[in-house]
Amino acid sequence: ERLAEVAAARGCDLFLVQNGDLNDGTGFSRTPPAVLVPLLQRMPFDALTTGNHELYENENIDYLAQPGGFIDSWNGSFITSNTLDAATGEHLGSSHKLLVGRASRVLAFGFLYDMRDHADHVIVTRVEEAVVRRRPHGDRVRRCPLPDTHGLQGPARRPAARR
């Protein structure tokens, strides 16, 4: 809240982004993340995405993606640009989001690296395929108002081999 006040006083925008991997690394991490989710839902995130840690077990995926659940609670702010629901072929969340502040607009995407060892309830497409070959995705992006900048969020690094 204090950072938002400082940014507003300076005429700047502040966007709070959650880059995924919520399922590991805290004392609240569980499968499924039932303890952590209510805490995260209280945060004023402007955009969120999934990390690889949420995608190793179907139980986590199903919990986050259940109708009316965590992903739905963000009303389009949970962005999964190349992570799809295996049953429907649709994005787990939104494919992108235009973040609009007082002084700027940022077109945000949530790409995950080329993950191959995910559970079978999701499909992670290669970033190149999501950007170049998925025409409906590109058409949706082209219909967005022109942003001041583009933003990429998500774990773009290649993680160490899972043990």
C-alpha atoms as a PDB file:
ATOM      1  CA  GLU A   1       0.000   0.000   0.000  1.00  0.00           C
ATOM      2  CA  ARG A   2       2.859   2.348   0.810  1.00  0.00           C
ATOM      3  CA  LEU A   3       4.516   1.707  -2.565  1.00  0.00           C
ATOM      4  CA  ALA A   4       1.213   2.444  -4.315  1.00  0.00           C
ATOM      5  CA  GLU A   5       0.957   5.745  -2.430  1.00  0.00           C
ATOM      6  CA  VAL A   6       4.511   6.727  -3.414  1.00  0.00           C
ATOM      7  CA  ALA A   7       3.923   5.783  -7.060  1.00  0.00           C
ATOM      8  CA  ALA A   8       0.664   7.768  -7.142  1.00  0.00           C
ATOM      9  CA  ALA A   9       2.351  10.801  -5.583  1.00  0.00           C
ATOM     10  CA  ARG A  10       5.013  10.650  -8.299  1.00  0.00           C
ATOM     11  CA  GLY A  11       2.484  10.186 -11.083  1.00  0.00           C
ATOM     12  CA  CYS A  12       3.806   6.692 -11.797  1.00  0.00           C
ATOM     13  CA  ASP A  13       2.100   3.348 -12.084  1.00  0.00           C
ATOM     14  CA  LEU A  14       2.806   0.351  -9.928  1.00  0.00           C
ATOM     15  CA  PHE A  15       1.661  -3.089 -11.047  1.00  0.00           C
ATOM     16  CA  LEU A  16       1.896  -6.003  -8.625  1.00  0.00           C
ATOM     17  CA  VAL A  17       2.629  -9.255 -10.456  1.00  0.00           C
ATOM     18  CA  GLN A  18       2.825 -12.817  -9.114  1.00  0.00           C
ATOM     19  CA  ASN A  19       5.159 -14.939 -11.262  1.00  0.00           C
ATOM     20  CA  GLY A  20       3.988 -18.401 -10.299  1.00  0.00           C
ATOM     21  CA  ASP A  21       5.605 -21.204  -8.343  1.00  0.00           C
ATOM     22  CA  LEU A  22       3.190 -20.528  -5.507  1.00  0.00           C
ATOM     23  CA  ASN A  23       3.077 -24.206  -4.699  1.00  0.00           C
ATOM     24  CA  ASP A  24       6.635 -24.522  -3.356  1.00  0.00           C
ATOM     25  CA  GLY A  25       8.966 -22.501  -1.210  1.00  0.00           C
ATOM     26  CA  THR A  26       6.788 -21.405   1.694  1.00  0.00           C
ATOM     27  CA  GLY A  27       5.676 -22.990   4.938  1.00  0.00           C
ATOM     28  CA  PHE A  28       2.156 -22.875   3.509  1.00  0.00           C
ATOM     29  CA  SER A  29       2.960 -25.059   0.492  1.00  0.00           C
ATOM     30  CA  ARG A  30       0.802 -28.157   0.272  1.00  0.00           C
ATOM     31  CA  THR A  31      -0.760 -30.374  -2.358  1.00  0.00           C
ATOM     32  CA  PRO A  32      -3.239 -28.950  -3.131  1.00  0.00           C
ATOM     33  CA  PRO A  33      -2.350 -25.395  -2.022  1.00  0.00           C
ATOM     34  CA  ALA A  34      -5.567 -25.008  -0.005  1.00  0.00           C
ATOM     35  CA  VAL A  35      -3.881 -23.114   2.860  1.00  0.00           C
ATOM     36  CA  LEU A  36      -1.973 -20.686   0.642  1.00  0.00           C
ATOM     37  CA  VAL A  37      -4.729 -19.816  -1.846  1.00  0.00           C
ATOM     38  CA  PRO A  38      -6.897 -17.761   0.568  1.00  0.00           C
ATOM     39  CA  LEU A  39      -3.834 -15.724   1.569  1.00  0.00           C
ATOM     40  CA  LEU A  40      -2.911 -15.022  -2.056  1.00  0.00           C
ATOM     41  CA  GLN A  41      -6.487 -14.051  -2.899  1.00  0.00           C
ATOM     42  CA  ARG A  42      -6.170 -11.178  -0.414  1.00  0.00           C
ATOM     43  CA  MET A  43      -3.220  -9.696  -2.305  1.00  0.00           C
ATOM     44  CA  PRO A  44      -3.940  -6.863  -4.772  1.00  0.00           C
ATOM     45  CA  PHE A  45      -2.246  -8.549  -7.739  1.00  0.00           C
ATOM     46  CA  ASP A  46      -2.738  -6.934 -11.134  1.00  0.00           C
ATOM     47  CA  ALA A  47      -1.605 -10.078 -12.938  1.00  0.00           C
ATOM     48  CA  LEU A  48      -0.602 -13.629 -12.034  1.00  0.00           C
ATOM     49  CA  THR A  49       0.664 -16.637 -13.908  1.00  0.00           C
ATOM     50  CA  THR A  50       1.512 -20.252 -13.273  1.00  0.00           C
ATOM     51  CA  GLY A  51       4.947 -21.628 -12.646  1.00  0.00           C
ATOM     52  CA  ASN A  52       6.205 -25.120 -13.271  1.00  0.00           C
ATOM     53  CA  HIS A  53       5.715 -26.135  -9.630  1.00  0.00           C
ATOM     54  CA  GLU A  54       1.920 -25.923  -9.914  1.00  0.00           C
ATOM     55  CA  LEU A  55       1.936 -28.227 -12.928  1.00  0.00           C
ATOM     56  CA  TYR A  56       3.700 -31.369 -11.686  1.00  0.00           C
ATOM     57  CA  GLU A  57       0.591 -32.889 -10.062  1.00  0.00           C
ATOM     58  CA  ASN A  58      -2.956 -33.101 -11.414  1.00  0.00           C
ATOM     59  CA  GLU A  59      -4.335 -32.507  -7.904  1.00  0.00           C
ATOM     60  CA  ASN A  60      -2.779 -29.018  -7.861  1.00  0.00           C
ATOM     61  CA  ILE A  61      -3.942 -28.200 -11.373  1.00  0.00           C
ATOM     62  CA  ASP A  62      -7.494 -29.359 -10.653  1.00  0.00           C
ATOM     63  CA  TYR A  63      -7.628 -27.408  -7.398  1.00  0.00           C
ATOM     64  CA  LEU A  64      -6.466 -24.140  -8.977  1.00  0.00           C
ATOM     65  CA  ALA A  65      -8.578 -24.524 -12.136  1.00  0.00           C
ATOM     66  CA  GLN A  66     -11.836 -25.749 -10.589  1.00  0.00           C
ATOM     67  CA  PRO A  67     -14.889 -23.675 -11.592  1.00  0.00           C
ATOM     68  CA  GLY A  68     -15.163 -20.719  -9.225  1.00  0.00           C
ATOM     69  CA  GLY A  69     -11.702 -21.500  -7.839  1.00  0.00           C
ATOM     70  CA  PHE A  70      -8.382 -19.688  -7.649  1.00  0.00           C
ATOM     71  CA  ILE A  71      -7.900 -18.965 -11.349  1.00  0.00           C
ATOM     72  CA  ASP A  72     -11.502 -17.817 -11.834  1.00  0.00           C
ATOM     73  CA  SER A  73     -11.298 -15.587  -8.747  1.00  0.00           C
ATOM     74  CA  TRP A  74      -8.866 -13.300 -10.594  1.00  0.00           C
ATOM     75  CA  ASN A  75     -11.426 -12.353 -13.266  1.00  0.00           C
ATOM     76  CA  GLY A  76      -9.056 -12.535 -16.223  1.00  0.00           C
ATOM     77  CA  SER A  77      -5.889 -11.466 -14.399  1.00  0.00           C
ATOM     78  CA  PHE A  78      -4.495 -15.013 -14.193  1.00  0.00           C
ATOM     79  CA  ILE A  79      -2.517 -15.244 -17.446  1.00  0.00           C
ATOM     80  CA  THR A  80      -1.412 -18.506 -19.071  1.00  0.00           C
ATOM     81  CA  SER A  81      -0.261 -17.608 -22.560  1.00  0.00           C
ATOM     82  CA  ASN A  82       1.028 -21.068 -23.433  1.00  0.00           C
ATOM     83  CA  THR A  83      -0.494 -23.335 -20.761  1.00  0.00           C
ATOM     84  CA  LEU A  84      -3.716 -25.036 -21.795  1.00  0.00           C
ATOM     85  CA  ASP A  85      -6.323 -27.234 -20.148  1.00  0.00           C
ATOM     86  CA  ALA A  86      -5.752 -30.674 -21.711  1.00  0.00           C
ATOM     87  CA  ALA A  87      -9.480 -31.515 -21.626  1.00  0.00           C
ATOM     88  CA  THR A  88     -10.664 -28.382 -23.457  1.00  0.00           C
ATOM     89  CA  GLY A  89      -7.602 -27.070 -25.299  1.00  0.00           C
ATOM     90  CA  GLU A  90      -8.358 -23.618 -23.849  1.00  0.00           C
ATOM     91  CA  HIS A  91      -5.983 -21.475 -21.806  1.00  0.00           C
ATOM     92  CA  LEU A  92      -6.039 -22.285 -18.084  1.00  0.00           C
ATOM     93  CA  GLY A  93      -6.422 -18.556 -17.499  1.00  0.00           C
ATOM     94  CA  SER A  94      -6.415 -15.629 -19.920  1.00  0.00           C
ATOM     95  CA  SER A  95      -4.003 -15.572 -22.852  1.00  0.00           C
ATOM     96  CA  HIS A  96      -2.974 -11.971 -22.067  1.00  0.00           C
ATOM     97  CA  LYS A  97      -4.125  -8.899 -20.190  1.00  0.00           C
ATOM     98  CA  LEU A  98      -3.908  -5.191 -20.790  1.00  0.00           C
ATOM     99  CA  LEU A  99      -2.861  -3.523 -17.529  1.00  0.00           C
ATOM    100  CA  VAL A 100      -4.069   0.066 -17.481  1.00  0.00           C
ATOM    101  CA  GLY A 101      -2.644   2.539 -15.000  1.00  0.00           C
ATOM    102  CA  ARG A 102      -2.849   6.297 -14.596  1.00  0.00           C
ATOM    103  CA  ALA A 103       0.161   6.951 -16.829  1.00  0.00           C
ATOM    104  CA  SER A 104       0.763   3.765 -18.807  1.00  0.00           C
ATOM    105  CA  ARG A 105      -0.675   0.671 -20.417  1.00  0.00           C
ATOM    106  CA  VAL A 106       1.187  -2.646 -20.417  1.00  0.00           C
ATOM    107  CA  LEU A 107       0.189  -5.649 -22.495  1.00  0.00           C
ATOM    108  CA  ALA A 108       1.127  -8.583 -20.234  1.00  0.00           C
ATOM    109  CA  PHE A 109       1.712 -12.199 -21.184  1.00  0.00           C
ATOM    110  CA  GLY A 110       2.428 -15.195 -18.972  1.00  0.00           C
ATOM    111  CA  PHE A 111       4.675 -17.626 -20.811  1.00  0.00           C
ATOM    112  CA  LEU A 112       6.123 -20.720 -19.204  1.00  0.00           C
ATOM    113  CA  TYR A 113       9.323 -22.244 -20.557  1.00  0.00           C
ATOM    114  CA  ASP A 114       9.131 -25.346 -22.772  1.00  0.00           C
ATOM    115  CA  MET A 115       8.084 -27.636 -19.897  1.00  0.00           C
ATOM    116  CA  ARG A 116       7.726 -31.295 -20.831  1.00  0.00           C
ATOM    117  CA  ASP A 117       7.446 -33.072 -17.455  1.00  0.00           C
ATOM    118  CA  HIS A 118       4.099 -31.567 -16.450  1.00  0.00           C
ATOM    119  CA  ALA A 119       1.081 -33.615 -15.327  1.00  0.00           C
ATOM    120  CA  ASP A 120      -1.369 -34.750 -17.999  1.00  0.00           C
ATOM    121  CA  HIS A 121      -4.207 -32.322 -17.154  1.00  0.00           C
ATOM    122  CA  VAL A 122      -2.345 -29.504 -18.943  1.00  0.00           C
ATOM    123  CA  ILE A 123      -0.564 -28.907 -22.217  1.00  0.00           C
ATOM    124  CA  VAL A 124       2.363 -26.501 -22.292  1.00  0.00           C
ATOM    125  CA  THR A 125       2.940 -25.348 -25.849  1.00  0.00           C
ATOM    126  CA  ARG A 126       6.272 -23.993 -26.989  1.00  0.00           C
ATOM    127  CA  VAL A 127       6.422 -20.214 -26.699  1.00  0.00           C
ATOM    128  CA  GLU A 128       7.152 -19.943 -30.421  1.00  0.00           C
ATOM    129  CA  GLU A 129       4.015 -21.937 -31.213  1.00  0.00           C
ATOM    130  CA  ALA A 130       1.868 -19.872 -28.867  1.00  0.00           C
ATOM    131  CA  VAL A 131       3.063 -16.630 -30.430  1.00  0.00           C
ATOM    132  CA  VAL A 132       3.461 -17.500 -34.100  1.00  0.00           C
ATOM    133  CA  ARG A 133       1.211 -20.438 -34.908  1.00  0.00           C
ATOM    134  CA  ARG A 134      -1.852 -19.979 -32.710  1.00  0.00           C
ATOM    135  CA  ARG A 135      -3.704 -17.547 -34.926  1.00  0.00           C
ATOM    136  CA  PRO A 136      -6.665 -16.995 -32.574  1.00  0.00           C
ATOM    137  CA  HIS A 137      -4.199 -15.943 -29.856  1.00  0.00           C
ATOM    138  CA  GLY A 138      -2.491 -13.504 -32.210  1.00  0.00           C
ATOM    139  CA  ASP A 139      -5.827 -12.117 -33.399  1.00  0.00           C
ATOM    140  CA  ARG A 140      -6.925 -11.439 -29.817  1.00  0.00           C
ATOM    141  CA  VAL A 141      -3.679  -9.612 -29.118  1.00  0.00           C
ATOM    142  CA  ARG A 142      -3.996  -7.555 -32.308  1.00  0.00           C
ATOM    143  CA  ARG A 143      -7.476  -6.385 -31.186  1.00  0.00           C
ATOM    144  CA  CYS A 144      -6.093  -4.973 -27.905  1.00  0.00           C
ATOM    145  CA  PRO A 145      -5.656  -1.215 -27.672  1.00  0.00           C
ATOM    146  CA  LEU A 146      -2.057  -0.294 -28.443  1.00  0.00           C
ATOM    147  CA  PRO A 147      -0.083  -0.453 -25.180  1.00  0.00           C
ATOM    148  CA  ASP A 148       2.788   1.767 -24.154  1.00  0.00           C
ATOM    149  CA  THR A 149       4.913  -1.331 -23.628  1.00  0.00           C
ATOM    150  CA  HIS A 150       4.724  -5.112 -23.586  1.00  0.00           C
ATOM    151  CA  GLY A 151       5.460  -7.141 -20.468  1.00  0.00           C
ATOM    152  CA  LEU A 152       6.377 -10.762 -20.081  1.00  0.00           C
ATOM    153  CA  GLN A 153       5.823 -12.500 -16.811  1.00  0.00           C
ATOM    154  CA  GLY A 154       6.472 -15.975 -15.629  1.00  0.00           C
ATOM    155  CA  PRO A 155       9.384 -18.240 -14.964  1.00  0.00           C
ATOM    156  CA  ALA A 156      11.259 -17.893 -18.236  1.00  0.00           C
ATOM    157  CA  ARG A 157      14.313 -19.689 -16.921  1.00  0.00           C
ATOM    158  CA  ARG A 158      14.874 -23.369 -17.434  1.00  0.00           C
ATOM    159  CA  PRO A 159      14.779 -24.980 -13.976  1.00  0.00           C
ATOM    160  CA  ALA A 160      17.323 -27.471 -12.744  1.00  0.00           C
ATOM    161  CA  ALA A 161      16.433 -31.106 -13.357  1.00  0.00           C
ATOM    162  CA  ARG A 162      13.647 -32.237 -11.046  1.00  0.00           C
ATOM    163  CA  ARG A 163      14.763 -34.874  -8.595  1.00  0.00           C
END
